[in-house]
Amino acid sequence: IMLIDQIAQKIVKEAAGQGAKVVVLPECFNSPYGTGFFAEYAEKIPGESTQVLSEAAKECGVYLVGGSIPEEDGGKIYNTCSIFGPDGKLLVKHRKIHLFDIDVPGKIRFQESETLSPGNSLSMFETPFCKVGVGICYDIRFAELAQIYAKKGCQLLVYPGAFNMTTGPAHWELLQRGRAVDNQVYVAAASPARDESASYVAWGHSSVVNPWGEVIAKAGSEESIVYADIDLQYLADMRQQLPITTQRRNDLYSVNSVQEG
C-alpha cells in the first residue's frame, strides 16, 4: 500500500505543478478491485492512505478528491472517497451509495454487496470556485443523485470510477455526457489505468465533460493525468441560452433528497 500511496502523492504533486486546483484520483486506488481484496486492504479513516492524501493536499495547496479506498468501520467495509482541503483537513467522505451488483451473462458478474455495505448520505463540498458533488462509479448511473446535487448548487460533479471492458465502452462516456447535459454541469470521472493482468480489468479513459456534453479532456487506457478548465462563465451562458433550470415543471414533478447529507 505504501508504494501505491507514494505514486498517488507524486501524481498529485505533478498535477498541482501544472496549475490544478482540484485533483481527482481513481476508485480503489490503493487496492485491487475485487470482493476478495476489500477486507484485506481495508483501512480506517483516518488511516495510512488518507494521511498521505491529507499531507499531499496540504503540501500542494489543492482540493483533493481521494479516489476511493476500502474503509473499515464498526465491522463493516465501505467503498469510500475522502476529500481534503488545501489545509489538509478532511472536508467530507462519500461512502458509495449504490453497490455494484450486476450480472451480464457470459461477460461479467460482480457483487460488491458480498463484502461491502452501502453509504447512506449525499456528499458535497464547497470550494472558492464552485460547489462540488461526489459519487463513486455505479453512483453515476443514478440520474437522481446528479439532479439533487445540481439542485443544491453543485456546478461540478466528480465520480472516481472503475468501469470494466463490458460496461466501459458502452456506457462510461455516455453516462458522463448524460449527467452533464441533463444538469448543465461539468462532470469529471477518474478511472484506474487498464491492467490486462488484473482480475478486474478497468476500462480507463478518465474524462472531463462540459455542460454542453462535449468531452473536453480524455485519457487513454494507460496511466496519465488529464487537465481541464472548469469555466463557470461558460456554464452560466449555457444555462441562459437553454434555461431548463427555470423551465422545469415543479408543479408536475420533482426529485428530492429524503435526508440531508
Protein backbone atom coordinates (compact mmCIF):
# COMPACT_ATOMS: atom_id res chain seq x y z
CA ILE A 1 0.00 0.00 0.00
CA MET A 2 2.84 2.38 0.84
CA LEU A 3 4.18 2.25 -2.73
CA ILE A 4 0.73 2.97 -4.18
CA ASP A 5 0.33 5.88 -1.76
CA GLN A 6 3.67 7.28 -2.93
CA ILE A 7 2.54 7.05 -6.57
CA ALA A 8 -0.68 8.89 -5.68
CA GLN A 9 1.32 11.57 -3.86
CA LYS A 10 3.62 12.01 -6.86
CA ILE A 11 0.64 12.37 -9.23
CA VAL A 12 -1.00 14.99 -7.00
CA LYS A 13 2.25 16.97 -6.95
CA GLU A 14 2.61 16.77 -10.72
CA ALA A 15 -0.98 17.91 -11.30
CA ALA A 16 -0.63 20.79 -8.82
CA GLY A 17 2.61 21.79 -10.52
CA GLN A 18 0.65 22.20 -13.75
CA GLY A 19 -1.77 24.56 -12.01
CA ALA A 20 -4.53 22.16 -10.96
CA LYS A 21 -6.67 23.47 -8.09
CA VAL A 22 -8.91 20.39 -7.77
CA VAL A 23 -7.30 16.96 -8.21
CA VAL A 24 -9.28 13.71 -8.55
CA LEU A 25 -7.81 10.22 -8.05
CA PRO A 26 -9.45 6.96 -9.27
CA GLU A 27 -11.68 4.48 -7.47
CA CYS A 28 -9.89 1.87 -5.31
CA PHE A 29 -6.51 3.46 -5.98
CA ASN A 30 -4.81 1.65 -3.09
CA SER A 31 -6.33 -1.80 -3.60
CA PRO A 32 -7.07 -4.31 -6.34
CA TYR A 33 -10.76 -4.07 -7.27
CA GLY A 34 -12.49 -7.29 -6.23
CA THR A 35 -14.68 -8.59 -3.43
CA GLY A 36 -11.86 -10.88 -2.32
CA PHE A 37 -9.50 -7.94 -1.79
CA PHE A 38 -11.63 -5.35 0.04
CA ALA A 39 -11.32 -6.84 3.56
CA GLU A 40 -7.58 -7.41 3.18
CA TYR A 41 -6.86 -3.85 2.01
CA ALA A 42 -9.46 -2.04 4.17
CA GLU A 43 -8.25 0.79 6.40
CA LYS A 44 -9.72 3.07 9.00
CA ILE A 45 -10.29 6.72 8.09
CA PRO A 46 -8.19 8.49 9.21
CA GLY A 47 -5.53 5.90 8.44
CA GLU A 48 -2.37 5.29 6.46
CA SER A 49 -3.65 6.12 2.95
CA THR A 50 -5.79 9.08 3.98
CA GLN A 51 -2.91 10.52 5.98
CA VAL A 52 -0.82 10.55 2.78
CA LEU A 53 -3.71 12.23 0.91
CA SER A 54 -4.13 14.84 3.62
CA GLU A 55 -0.41 15.67 3.51
CA ALA A 56 -0.40 15.82 -0.30
CA ALA A 57 -3.39 18.20 -0.35
CA LYS A 58 -1.75 20.46 2.22
CA GLU A 59 1.71 20.38 0.63
CA CYS A 60 0.29 21.19 -2.81
CA GLY A 61 -2.48 23.55 -1.66
CA VAL A 62 -5.19 21.73 -3.63
CA TYR A 63 -8.64 20.29 -3.09
CA LEU A 64 -8.02 16.55 -3.32
CA VAL A 65 -10.79 14.10 -4.15
CA GLY A 66 -9.05 10.98 -2.92
CA GLY A 67 -10.46 8.42 -5.36
CA SER A 68 -11.71 5.69 -3.06
CA ILE A 69 -10.36 3.09 -0.68
CA PRO A 70 -11.98 0.18 1.15
CA GLU A 71 -12.84 1.64 4.57
CA GLU A 72 -13.39 -0.49 7.69
CA ASP A 73 -15.70 0.97 10.30
CA GLY A 74 -17.63 -0.84 13.01
CA GLY A 75 -17.14 -4.26 11.45
CA LYS A 76 -18.43 -3.09 8.05
CA ILE A 77 -16.50 -2.26 4.89
CA TYR A 78 -17.39 0.69 2.67
CA ASN A 79 -16.08 1.93 -0.68
CA THR A 80 -15.15 5.43 0.48
CA CYS A 81 -13.92 8.64 -1.12
CA SER A 82 -12.22 11.14 1.21
CA ILE A 83 -11.98 14.78 0.16
CA PHE A 84 -9.31 17.05 1.61
CA GLY A 85 -8.97 20.83 1.51
CA PRO A 86 -5.78 22.76 0.78
CA ASP A 87 -5.13 22.90 4.52
CA GLY A 88 -5.10 19.09 4.64
CA LYS A 89 -8.36 18.86 6.59
CA LEU A 90 -10.94 16.19 5.76
CA LEU A 91 -13.92 18.04 4.27
CA VAL A 92 -16.26 15.14 3.64
CA LYS A 93 -16.17 11.44 2.96
CA HIS A 94 -18.51 9.81 0.48
CA ARG A 95 -19.36 6.17 1.00
CA LYS A 96 -20.55 4.67 -2.28
CA ILE A 97 -24.35 4.74 -2.10
CA HIS A 98 -25.21 2.30 -4.87
CA LEU A 99 -23.37 -1.02 -4.70
CA PHE A 100 -22.18 -2.55 -7.95
CA ASP A 101 -24.21 -5.77 -8.15
CA ILE A 102 -24.56 -6.76 -11.80
CA ASP A 103 -24.76 -9.90 -13.90
CA VAL A 104 -24.31 -9.71 -17.67
CA PRO A 105 -24.38 -13.39 -18.73
CA GLY A 106 -21.20 -14.54 -20.46
CA LYS A 107 -19.50 -11.19 -19.87
CA ILE A 108 -19.31 -10.00 -16.27
CA ARG A 109 -20.77 -10.75 -12.88
CA PHE A 110 -19.79 -8.65 -9.88
CA GLN A 111 -21.42 -8.39 -6.47
CA GLU A 112 -19.98 -5.64 -4.27
CA SER A 113 -22.63 -6.41 -1.65
CA GLU A 114 -20.89 -9.73 -0.90
CA THR A 115 -18.38 -7.76 1.18
CA LEU A 116 -19.32 -4.06 1.09
CA SER A 117 -22.02 -2.04 2.83
CA PRO A 118 -23.63 1.00 1.16
CA GLY A 119 -23.24 4.58 2.36
CA ASN A 120 -26.37 6.48 3.31
CA SER A 121 -25.64 10.12 2.60
CA LEU A 122 -25.10 12.57 -0.22
CA SER A 123 -21.71 14.28 -0.31
CA MET A 124 -20.92 17.84 -1.39
CA PHE A 125 -18.13 20.25 -0.60
CA GLU A 126 -17.53 23.95 -1.14
CA THR A 127 -14.51 25.46 -2.86
CA PRO A 128 -13.78 29.13 -3.66
CA PHE A 129 -14.54 28.22 -7.28
CA CYS A 130 -17.80 26.29 -7.06
CA LYS A 131 -19.70 23.69 -5.08
CA VAL A 132 -18.83 20.08 -5.94
CA GLY A 133 -20.94 16.91 -5.72
CA VAL A 134 -19.34 13.48 -5.27
CA GLY A 135 -20.33 9.99 -6.40
CA ILE A 136 -18.40 6.76 -6.89
CA CYS A 137 -18.58 4.70 -10.08
CA TYR A 138 -22.00 2.96 -10.08
CA ASP A 139 -23.49 6.09 -8.44
CA ILE A 140 -23.21 7.80 -11.86
CA ARG A 141 -25.94 5.53 -13.28
CA PHE A 142 -28.47 7.09 -10.91
CA ALA A 143 -29.56 10.35 -12.52
CA GLU A 144 -31.46 11.42 -9.41
CA LEU A 145 -28.24 11.85 -7.41
CA ALA A 146 -26.79 14.22 -10.02
CA GLN A 147 -30.09 16.11 -10.25
CA ILE A 148 -30.15 16.67 -6.49
CA TYR A 149 -26.53 17.83 -6.47
CA ALA A 150 -27.27 20.31 -9.28
CA LYS A 151 -30.41 21.49 -7.50
CA LYS A 152 -28.31 22.12 -4.38
CA GLY A 153 -25.94 24.34 -6.38
CA CYS A 154 -23.15 21.98 -7.49
CA GLN A 155 -21.58 23.04 -10.77
CA LEU A 156 -19.03 20.23 -10.90
CA LEU A 157 -19.74 16.54 -10.26
CA VAL A 158 -16.83 14.19 -9.67
CA TYR A 159 -17.01 10.42 -9.97
CA PRO A 160 -13.97 8.27 -9.22
CA GLY A 161 -14.91 5.05 -11.03
CA ALA A 162 -13.67 1.81 -12.50
CA PHE A 163 -15.91 0.67 -15.33
CA ASN A 164 -14.88 -2.60 -16.97
CA MET A 165 -14.31 -3.86 -20.51
CA THR A 166 -18.03 -4.59 -20.95
CA THR A 167 -19.68 -1.52 -19.40
CA GLY A 168 -16.79 0.86 -20.19
CA PRO A 169 -17.03 1.04 -23.99
CA ALA A 170 -20.83 1.01 -23.81
CA HIS A 171 -21.63 3.49 -21.05
CA TRP A 172 -18.64 5.26 -19.40
CA GLU A 173 -18.63 8.31 -21.65
CA LEU A 174 -22.37 8.19 -22.35
CA LEU A 175 -23.24 8.46 -18.65
CA GLN A 176 -20.83 11.34 -18.04
CA ARG A 177 -22.25 13.23 -21.00
CA GLY A 178 -25.80 12.46 -19.93
CA ARG A 179 -25.28 13.74 -16.39
CA ALA A 180 -23.53 16.85 -17.74
CA VAL A 181 -26.22 17.76 -20.29
CA ASP A 182 -29.20 16.93 -18.07
CA ASN A 183 -27.95 19.15 -15.29
CA GLN A 184 -25.85 21.69 -17.21
CA VAL A 185 -22.80 20.97 -15.06
CA TYR A 186 -19.23 19.84 -15.55
CA VAL A 187 -18.60 16.14 -14.91
CA ALA A 188 -15.18 14.64 -14.15
CA ALA A 189 -14.68 10.88 -13.88
CA ALA A 190 -11.35 9.35 -12.84
CA SER A 191 -10.60 5.72 -13.66
CA PRO A 192 -7.66 3.49 -12.82
CA ALA A 193 -5.41 2.76 -15.80
CA ARG A 194 -6.06 -0.53 -17.59
CA ASP A 195 -4.15 -3.55 -16.32
CA GLU A 196 -4.86 -6.53 -18.57
CA SER A 197 -3.39 -8.92 -15.97
CA ALA A 198 -5.75 -7.83 -13.17
CA SER A 199 -8.72 -9.97 -12.10
CA TYR A 200 -10.92 -6.93 -12.86
CA VAL A 201 -9.79 -5.05 -15.96
CA ALA A 202 -10.65 -1.34 -15.80
CA TRP A 203 -11.68 0.50 -18.96
CA GLY A 204 -9.59 3.60 -18.14
CA HIS A 205 -10.29 6.78 -20.12
CA SER A 206 -10.59 9.32 -17.28
CA SER A 207 -12.54 12.26 -18.72
CA VAL A 208 -13.99 15.71 -18.16
CA VAL A 209 -17.24 16.73 -19.86
CA ASN A 210 -18.61 20.28 -20.13
CA PRO A 211 -22.27 21.39 -19.68
CA TRP A 212 -22.82 21.18 -23.46
CA GLY A 213 -21.92 17.49 -23.29
CA GLU A 214 -18.55 17.82 -25.01
CA VAL A 215 -15.66 15.69 -23.78
CA ILE A 216 -13.04 18.38 -23.18
CA ALA A 217 -10.32 16.11 -21.76
CA LYS A 218 -9.83 12.39 -22.03
CA ALA A 219 -7.11 9.91 -21.11
CA GLY A 220 -6.31 6.74 -22.98
CA SER A 221 -6.25 3.37 -21.22
CA GLU A 222 -2.75 3.92 -19.81
CA GLU A 223 -1.75 5.84 -16.68
CA SER A 224 -1.83 9.58 -17.31
CA ILE A 225 -3.07 12.90 -15.95
CA VAL A 226 -5.73 14.84 -17.83
CA TYR A 227 -6.36 18.54 -17.29
CA ALA A 228 -9.40 20.70 -17.99
CA ASP A 229 -10.60 24.19 -17.12
CA ILE A 230 -13.93 24.41 -15.32
CA ASP A 231 -15.28 27.58 -16.93
CA LEU A 232 -18.15 28.83 -14.80
CA GLN A 233 -18.93 31.70 -17.17
CA TYR A 234 -19.42 29.15 -19.95
CA LEU A 235 -21.70 27.18 -17.61
CA ALA A 236 -23.73 30.33 -16.85
CA ASP A 237 -24.00 31.10 -20.58
CA MET A 238 -25.27 27.56 -21.31
CA ARG A 239 -27.93 27.92 -18.64
CA GLN A 240 -29.01 31.25 -20.05
CA GLN A 241 -29.19 30.00 -23.64
CA LEU A 242 -31.01 26.78 -22.68
CA PRO A 243 -32.81 27.79 -19.48
CA ILE A 244 -34.03 24.34 -18.45
CA THR A 245 -33.40 25.06 -14.78
CA THR A 246 -36.10 27.75 -14.78
CA GLN A 247 -38.40 25.88 -17.17
CA ARG A 248 -38.85 22.78 -15.02
CA ARG A 249 -42.48 21.98 -14.24
CA ASN A 250 -42.12 21.72 -10.49
CA ASP A 251 -45.91 21.68 -10.31
CA LEU A 252 -45.88 18.33 -12.12
CA TYR A 253 -42.77 16.51 -10.86
CA SER A 254 -39.80 16.77 -8.55
CA VAL A 255 -36.67 14.89 -7.46
CA ASN A 256 -35.76 15.46 -3.82
CA SER A 257 -33.43 14.01 -1.22
CA VAL A 258 -35.18 12.16 1.57
CA GLN A 259 -32.45 13.01 4.06
CA GLU A 260 -29.89 15.77 4.18
CA GLY A 261 -26.30 14.58 3.74
